[in-house]
Amino acid sequence: MDKIVQLATQVLQTTPVRWLALSQTLDVPLMRRQPAPGDWSAVECLLHLVEAEREVFPVRLQRFLDGRDFEAFNPDAGTPPGVASLQPLALSAEFAQLRAGSLRVLAGVGAAELERTALHPELGRVTLDQMIHEWAAHDLMHTVQAERALMQPFIDGCGPWREYFLDHVVRG
């Protein structure tokens, strides 16, 4: 297994575990709390990861392997009806199931496939290697974003310690 596939797989394996732990442990209102108007709550970050796992990364991975180009993904295209009522634990379980399937496909990627290219409608020609890097970074970015959203009520209530968290305050 190529080093980037191995490293990315390690990151991609941790994400569903982290979300399951958060969803099993934290109160739903905390997970639904927006850190500032227009900013995503933890649940919205999770929903985005589920959508990306359904419609983006495994689809693109297969397109690279099939030698085909792919479409752009618009994360702001709108949330499907009924999603607001979904529970974080159900979303986390769905994400874990989808990710397990994606990881099975990713496990078959070798060094030769990493140089395969596809045309991205906004970014131009990209390699599978670049997309795998982006996939791991995307997971980490939205997990950090969600954890930052979860931090806000605690930062707000920590009094004089608040100055230690200024880099993490979400401003609306």
Protein backbone atom coordinates (compact mmCIF):
# COMPACT_ATOMS: atom_id res chain seq x y z
CA MET A 1 0.00 0.00 0.00
CA ASP A 2 1.31 3.43 -0.92
CA LYS A 3 2.23 5.72 1.99
CA ILE A 4 -0.44 8.36 1.26
CA VAL A 5 -3.11 5.69 0.97
CA GLN A 6 -1.96 4.26 4.29
CA LEU A 7 -1.87 7.66 6.05
CA ALA A 8 -5.17 8.80 4.58
CA THR A 9 -6.78 5.48 5.53
CA GLN A 10 -5.66 5.98 9.12
CA VAL A 11 -7.30 9.41 9.21
CA LEU A 12 -10.42 8.25 7.38
CA GLN A 13 -10.84 5.33 9.80
CA THR A 14 -10.82 7.62 12.84
CA THR A 15 -13.53 9.99 11.65
CA PRO A 16 -16.58 7.70 12.02
CA VAL A 17 -15.29 6.51 15.40
CA ARG A 18 -15.02 10.11 16.63
CA TRP A 19 -18.51 10.94 15.36
CA LEU A 20 -20.03 7.85 16.93
CA ALA A 21 -18.42 8.76 20.26
CA LEU A 22 -19.67 12.35 20.07
CA SER A 23 -23.17 11.26 19.04
CA GLN A 24 -23.45 8.62 21.75
CA THR A 25 -22.21 10.95 24.47
CA LEU A 26 -23.30 14.54 23.85
CA ASP A 27 -26.74 16.07 24.24
CA VAL A 28 -28.52 16.58 20.92
CA PRO A 29 -29.19 20.30 21.59
CA LEU A 30 -25.45 20.88 22.01
CA MET A 31 -24.76 19.06 18.76
CA ARG A 32 -27.43 21.12 16.98
CA ARG A 33 -26.26 24.46 18.43
CA GLN A 34 -24.96 26.85 15.78
CA PRO A 35 -21.83 28.65 17.00
CA ALA A 36 -22.92 31.85 15.22
CA PRO A 37 -25.67 32.72 12.73
CA GLY A 38 -24.91 31.07 9.40
CA ASP A 39 -22.17 28.81 10.82
CA TRP A 40 -22.59 25.06 10.83
CA SER A 41 -23.45 23.19 14.00
CA ALA A 42 -21.74 19.88 14.75
CA VAL A 43 -24.73 18.03 13.28
CA GLU A 44 -24.54 20.09 10.10
CA CYS A 45 -20.84 19.22 9.78
CA LEU A 46 -21.73 15.55 10.23
CA LEU A 47 -24.50 15.80 7.66
CA HIS A 48 -22.04 17.33 5.20
CA LEU A 49 -19.62 14.45 5.79
CA VAL A 50 -22.44 11.96 5.17
CA GLU A 51 -23.39 13.74 1.94
CA ALA A 52 -19.74 13.81 0.83
CA GLU A 53 -19.43 10.10 1.62
CA ARG A 54 -22.56 9.38 -0.43
CA GLU A 55 -21.98 11.69 -3.37
CA VAL A 56 -18.37 12.83 -3.58
CA PHE A 57 -15.33 10.90 -2.44
CA PRO A 58 -16.22 7.27 -3.21
CA VAL A 59 -17.88 8.38 -6.46
CA ARG A 60 -14.78 10.30 -7.49
CA LEU A 61 -12.49 7.47 -6.42
CA GLN A 62 -14.40 5.10 -8.68
CA ARG A 63 -14.34 7.63 -11.52
CA PHE A 64 -10.56 7.88 -11.27
CA LEU A 65 -10.28 4.08 -11.32
CA ASP A 66 -12.62 3.94 -14.34
CA GLY A 67 -10.72 6.69 -16.19
CA ARG A 68 -13.66 9.10 -16.14
CA ASP A 69 -14.03 12.79 -15.22
CA PHE A 70 -16.46 13.97 -12.54
CA GLU A 71 -18.82 16.80 -11.68
CA ALA A 72 -18.35 19.55 -9.12
CA PHE A 73 -20.08 19.18 -5.78
CA ASN A 74 -22.01 22.09 -4.33
CA PRO A 75 -22.28 21.70 -0.54
CA ASP A 76 -24.74 24.59 -0.46
CA ALA A 77 -27.16 22.98 -2.93
CA GLY A 78 -29.60 22.42 -0.12
CA THR A 79 -30.36 19.94 2.56
CA PRO A 80 -32.70 17.10 1.63
CA PRO A 81 -36.17 17.27 3.24
CA GLY A 82 -36.47 15.59 6.61
CA VAL A 83 -32.78 15.83 7.42
CA ALA A 84 -33.33 18.34 10.22
CA SER A 85 -35.17 15.65 12.17
CA LEU A 86 -32.38 13.08 11.82
CA GLN A 87 -30.68 12.19 15.03
CA PRO A 88 -26.90 12.55 15.31
CA LEU A 89 -26.49 8.90 16.29
CA ALA A 90 -28.39 7.73 13.19
CA LEU A 91 -26.30 10.03 10.99
CA SER A 92 -23.09 8.76 12.63
CA ALA A 93 -24.12 5.15 12.07
CA GLU A 94 -24.91 5.86 8.42
CA PHE A 95 -21.58 7.65 8.02
CA ALA A 96 -19.70 4.70 9.55
CA GLN A 97 -21.42 2.27 7.19
CA LEU A 98 -20.74 4.41 4.11
CA ARG A 99 -17.13 4.98 5.14
CA ALA A 100 -16.49 1.26 5.61
CA GLY A 101 -17.48 0.72 1.98
CA SER A 102 -15.27 3.59 0.81
CA LEU A 103 -12.29 2.22 2.71
CA ARG A 104 -12.69 -1.18 1.07
CA VAL A 105 -12.34 0.48 -2.35
CA LEU A 106 -9.48 2.71 -1.21
CA ALA A 107 -7.59 -0.36 0.07
CA GLY A 108 -7.25 -1.55 -3.53
CA VAL A 109 -5.51 1.64 -4.70
CA GLY A 110 -1.84 1.15 -5.48
CA ALA A 111 0.98 3.47 -6.49
CA ALA A 112 0.17 3.11 -10.19
CA GLU A 113 -3.40 4.36 -9.71
CA LEU A 114 -2.30 7.47 -7.77
CA GLU A 115 -1.11 9.17 -10.95
CA ARG A 116 -4.44 8.73 -12.71
CA THR A 117 -6.07 12.02 -13.61
CA ALA A 118 -9.58 13.32 -14.01
CA LEU A 119 -11.01 16.64 -15.05
CA HIS A 120 -12.63 18.63 -12.26
CA PRO A 121 -14.94 21.30 -13.72
CA GLU A 122 -13.65 24.02 -11.38
CA LEU A 123 -10.06 22.95 -10.63
CA GLY A 124 -8.97 21.47 -13.94
CA ARG A 125 -6.91 18.30 -14.19
CA VAL A 126 -6.34 16.64 -10.81
CA THR A 127 -4.70 13.40 -9.73
CA LEU A 128 -6.07 10.64 -7.55
CA ASP A 129 -3.14 11.27 -5.20
CA GLN A 130 -4.30 14.89 -4.76
CA MET A 131 -7.89 13.84 -4.15
CA ILE A 132 -6.84 11.36 -1.47
CA HIS A 133 -4.89 14.13 0.27
CA GLU A 134 -7.96 16.38 0.02
CA TRP A 135 -10.24 13.64 1.38
CA ALA A 136 -8.22 13.26 4.58
CA ALA A 137 -7.87 17.04 5.00
CA HIS A 138 -11.63 17.46 4.40
CA ASP A 139 -12.44 14.96 7.15
CA LEU A 140 -10.14 16.65 9.62
CA MET A 141 -11.30 20.16 8.69
CA HIS A 142 -14.98 19.41 9.29
CA THR A 143 -14.26 17.50 12.48
CA VAL A 144 -12.30 20.49 13.80
CA GLN A 145 -15.12 22.79 12.64
CA ALA A 146 -17.66 20.67 14.52
CA GLU A 147 -15.55 20.54 17.66
CA ARG A 148 -15.09 24.31 17.47
CA ALA A 149 -18.89 24.66 17.31
CA LEU A 150 -19.19 22.42 20.38
CA MET A 151 -16.61 24.52 22.24
CA GLN A 152 -18.52 27.81 22.03
CA PRO A 153 -20.83 27.53 25.06
CA PHE A 154 -17.89 26.36 27.17
CA ILE A 155 -15.67 29.19 25.98
CA ASP A 156 -18.49 31.65 26.68
CA GLY A 157 -18.78 30.42 30.26
CA CYS A 158 -15.14 30.08 31.28
CA GLY A 159 -14.70 33.65 32.54
CA PRO A 160 -11.09 34.80 32.80
CA TRP A 161 -9.83 31.69 30.99
CA ARG A 162 -11.64 32.85 27.82
CA GLU A 163 -8.50 34.61 26.60
CA TYR A 164 -6.83 31.21 26.22
CA PHE A 165 -9.43 30.26 23.63
CA LEU A 166 -9.61 33.39 21.50
CA ASP A 167 -8.24 31.53 18.47
CA HIS A 168 -11.27 29.24 18.66
CA VAL A 169 -14.06 31.78 19.18
CA VAL A 170 -16.53 31.74 16.30
CA ARG A 171 -17.60 35.27 15.49
CA GLY A 172 -20.93 35.83 13.81
